[in-house]
Structures are given as C-alpha cells and as structure tokens.
Amino acid sequence: MKKSAILIGLSIGLLLSFLNALDYFHLVRVLSFEYYAAAIGLCFMALGIWAGFKLANPNKTPQITSEVSVENGKKINLSEREIEVLVELNNGLSNQEIADKLFVSLNTVKTHISNLYLKLHAKRRTQALAKAKLLKIVE
C-alpha cells in the first residue's frame, strides 16, 4: 500500500512538472519579447532606485558638532559620545535611530541620555536640548 501511494505521488508529480515545462516553453515562445522588456525595465528601475539612494542620501544630516561645541561640552564634563548623542537628539532622532547611527545598543543610548539629564540638570529631552543650546553645545 505504501509503495503504491509513493509511486502514484511520484508519477503525478512528474506529470505536473512535464505539463508546467510545456506551459513555460509555450509562454517563452509567445511572450518572450514582453518578458525580456519587463526584465530590462526592472533592472533599470532597480538601478535608478539604487542611484537615488546613493546620490541623494536623504538620511545625511549636517554635523553640528564643532570644536567650540566639544569644548563647551567638556566644560560640564560631557564625554565625546554624550555630545554625539546630544547632537543626534537635536537632529530629532529617536533612541533606536541614534543607536543605529552610532552603532551602539539601545541601552547604551539610554544610559548616555540619562547621563546627559544628570549633567545638564534636566528632566526631559526638551529641557536638555534647551540647556545645551544655552551652553552653545548644539545650535
């Protein structure tokens, strides 16, 4: 019983594969130009999207840090990484986006933000950014 079920299944599978191959070859002969044109169009579309991302680079934000802002940050004992996190906060990025951009974990970003709140005597992001602007750490 088991052998016959396996043989029937294999024969049906082979028959379906043969019929699909015939259908494929029929489509290739009848609609070959349309498939090639669509493939070339998809290649150019992919190339255009890739070039758009590489050339336009919309995620590129201007760097606000300068020597003056780093020096002002050092006056209140901010580390360079905390200044980088503060600049990205000023750019409006979320914690996860900052973590992705600086190649650190989300918990590390949260720790840096917590340290920023302590050093800037702030309770919220808006307060921390306002004090950082007042101290001319960010613009």
Protein backbone atom coordinates (compact mmCIF):
# COMPACT_ATOMS: atom_id res chain seq x y z
CA MET A 1 0.00 0.00 0.00
CA LYS A 2 2.79 2.40 0.93
CA LYS A 3 4.77 1.66 -2.24
CA SER A 4 1.79 2.22 -4.48
CA ALA A 5 0.98 5.55 -2.82
CA ILE A 6 4.58 6.68 -3.30
CA LEU A 7 4.57 5.56 -6.95
CA ILE A 8 1.27 7.32 -7.64
CA GLY A 9 2.54 10.50 -5.96
CA LEU A 10 5.79 10.44 -7.94
CA SER A 11 4.02 9.84 -11.24
CA ILE A 12 1.57 12.69 -10.60
CA GLY A 13 4.47 14.96 -9.65
CA LEU A 14 6.39 14.09 -12.80
CA LEU A 15 3.30 14.62 -14.95
CA LEU A 16 2.66 18.03 -13.38
CA SER A 17 6.31 19.01 -13.86
CA PHE A 18 6.14 17.99 -17.52
CA LEU A 19 2.93 19.99 -18.07
CA ASN A 20 4.42 23.06 -16.35
CA ALA A 21 7.53 22.79 -18.52
CA LEU A 22 5.37 22.66 -21.66
CA ASP A 23 3.40 25.67 -20.48
CA TYR A 24 6.64 27.56 -19.71
CA PHE A 25 8.14 26.85 -23.12
CA HIS A 26 4.89 27.94 -24.79
CA LEU A 27 4.96 31.25 -22.86
CA VAL A 28 8.63 31.82 -23.66
CA ARG A 29 7.97 31.48 -27.39
CA VAL A 30 4.77 33.55 -27.44
CA LEU A 31 5.61 36.27 -24.92
CA SER A 32 9.40 36.25 -25.00
CA PHE A 33 9.80 39.91 -26.03
CA GLU A 34 7.47 41.10 -23.27
CA TYR A 35 9.40 39.15 -20.63
CA TYR A 36 12.75 40.48 -21.81
CA ALA A 37 11.41 44.04 -21.95
CA ALA A 38 9.97 43.69 -18.44
CA ALA A 39 13.27 42.28 -17.13
CA ILE A 40 15.25 45.15 -18.65
CA GLY A 41 12.74 47.64 -17.24
CA LEU A 42 13.06 46.11 -13.77
CA CYS A 43 16.87 46.28 -14.00
CA PHE A 44 16.76 49.97 -14.90
CA MET A 45 14.22 50.65 -12.16
CA ALA A 46 16.46 48.93 -9.58
CA LEU A 47 19.47 50.87 -10.86
CA GLY A 48 17.52 54.14 -10.58
CA ILE A 49 16.42 53.40 -7.02
CA TRP A 50 19.96 52.45 -6.02
CA ALA A 51 21.40 55.59 -7.63
CA GLY A 52 18.74 57.72 -5.95
CA PHE A 53 19.66 56.41 -2.53
CA LYS A 54 23.39 56.71 -3.13
CA LEU A 55 23.37 60.16 -4.75
CA ALA A 56 20.60 61.90 -2.82
CA ASN A 57 21.28 60.24 0.57
CA PRO A 58 18.31 61.82 2.40
CA ASN A 59 19.44 60.41 5.77
CA LYS A 60 22.56 62.52 5.72
CA THR A 61 22.15 65.18 8.40
CA PRO A 62 24.53 68.07 8.76
CA GLN A 63 27.03 67.64 11.55
CA ILE A 64 26.50 70.28 14.18
CA THR A 65 29.49 69.41 16.31
CA SER A 66 32.43 71.72 16.09
CA GLU A 67 35.47 72.33 18.22
CA VAL A 68 33.60 75.06 20.11
CA SER A 69 30.69 72.76 20.96
CA VAL A 70 33.04 69.98 22.06
CA GLU A 71 34.97 72.42 24.26
CA ASN A 72 31.73 73.74 25.77
CA GLY A 73 30.60 70.18 26.40
CA LYS A 74 33.88 69.30 28.07
CA LYS A 75 33.40 72.23 30.46
CA ILE A 76 30.48 70.41 32.05
CA ASN A 77 32.21 67.01 31.85
CA LEU A 78 30.35 65.60 28.85
CA SER A 79 32.12 62.76 27.08
CA GLU A 80 32.53 62.86 23.30
CA ARG A 81 29.95 60.10 22.93
CA GLU A 82 27.45 62.01 25.06
CA ILE A 83 27.99 65.06 22.85
CA GLU A 84 27.35 62.90 19.77
CA VAL A 85 24.12 61.59 21.34
CA LEU A 86 23.11 65.15 22.22
CA VAL A 87 23.69 66.28 18.63
CA GLU A 88 21.54 63.43 17.32
CA LEU A 89 18.84 64.29 19.85
CA ASN A 90 18.96 67.82 18.50
CA ASN A 91 18.55 66.41 14.98
CA GLY A 92 15.28 64.85 16.14
CA LEU A 93 16.29 61.19 16.05
CA SER A 94 14.67 58.59 18.30
CA ASN A 95 16.69 56.44 20.69
CA GLN A 96 16.67 53.50 18.26
CA GLU A 97 17.73 55.69 15.33
CA ILE A 98 20.60 57.10 17.41
CA ALA A 99 21.67 53.58 18.35
CA ASP A 100 21.65 52.52 14.70
CA LYS A 101 23.55 55.59 13.56
CA LEU A 102 26.24 55.40 16.26
CA PHE A 103 26.49 51.59 16.11
CA VAL A 104 25.72 51.09 19.81
CA SER A 105 22.94 49.28 21.63
CA LEU A 106 19.67 50.92 22.60
CA ASN A 107 20.53 50.54 26.30
CA THR A 108 23.82 52.37 25.75
CA VAL A 109 21.97 55.29 24.18
CA LYS A 110 19.53 55.35 27.10
CA THR A 111 22.47 55.39 29.53
CA HIS A 112 24.08 58.31 27.67
CA ILE A 113 20.78 60.21 27.68
CA SER A 114 20.37 59.54 31.40
CA ASN A 115 23.89 60.89 31.99
CA LEU A 116 23.05 63.93 29.87
CA TYR A 117 19.98 64.62 32.02
CA LEU A 118 22.11 64.45 35.17
CA LYS A 119 24.91 66.63 33.84
CA LEU A 120 22.57 69.21 32.30
CA HIS A 121 20.20 69.15 35.30
CA ALA A 122 17.24 68.32 33.08
CA LYS A 123 14.27 66.02 33.44
CA ARG A 124 13.20 65.80 29.79
CA ARG A 125 14.69 65.91 26.31
CA THR A 126 13.35 69.35 25.63
CA GLN A 127 14.94 70.73 28.78
CA ALA A 128 18.25 69.04 27.99
CA LEU A 129 18.25 70.44 24.46
CA ALA A 130 17.31 73.93 25.67
CA LYS A 131 20.18 73.93 28.17
CA ALA A 132 22.59 72.54 25.56
CA LYS A 133 21.61 75.36 23.21
CA LEU A 134 22.04 77.86 26.02
CA LEU A 135 25.53 76.49 26.70
CA LYS A 136 26.21 76.53 22.92
CA ILE A 137 26.91 72.81 22.75
CA VAL A 138 24.42 72.47 19.90
CA GLU A 139 22.91 75.06 17.63
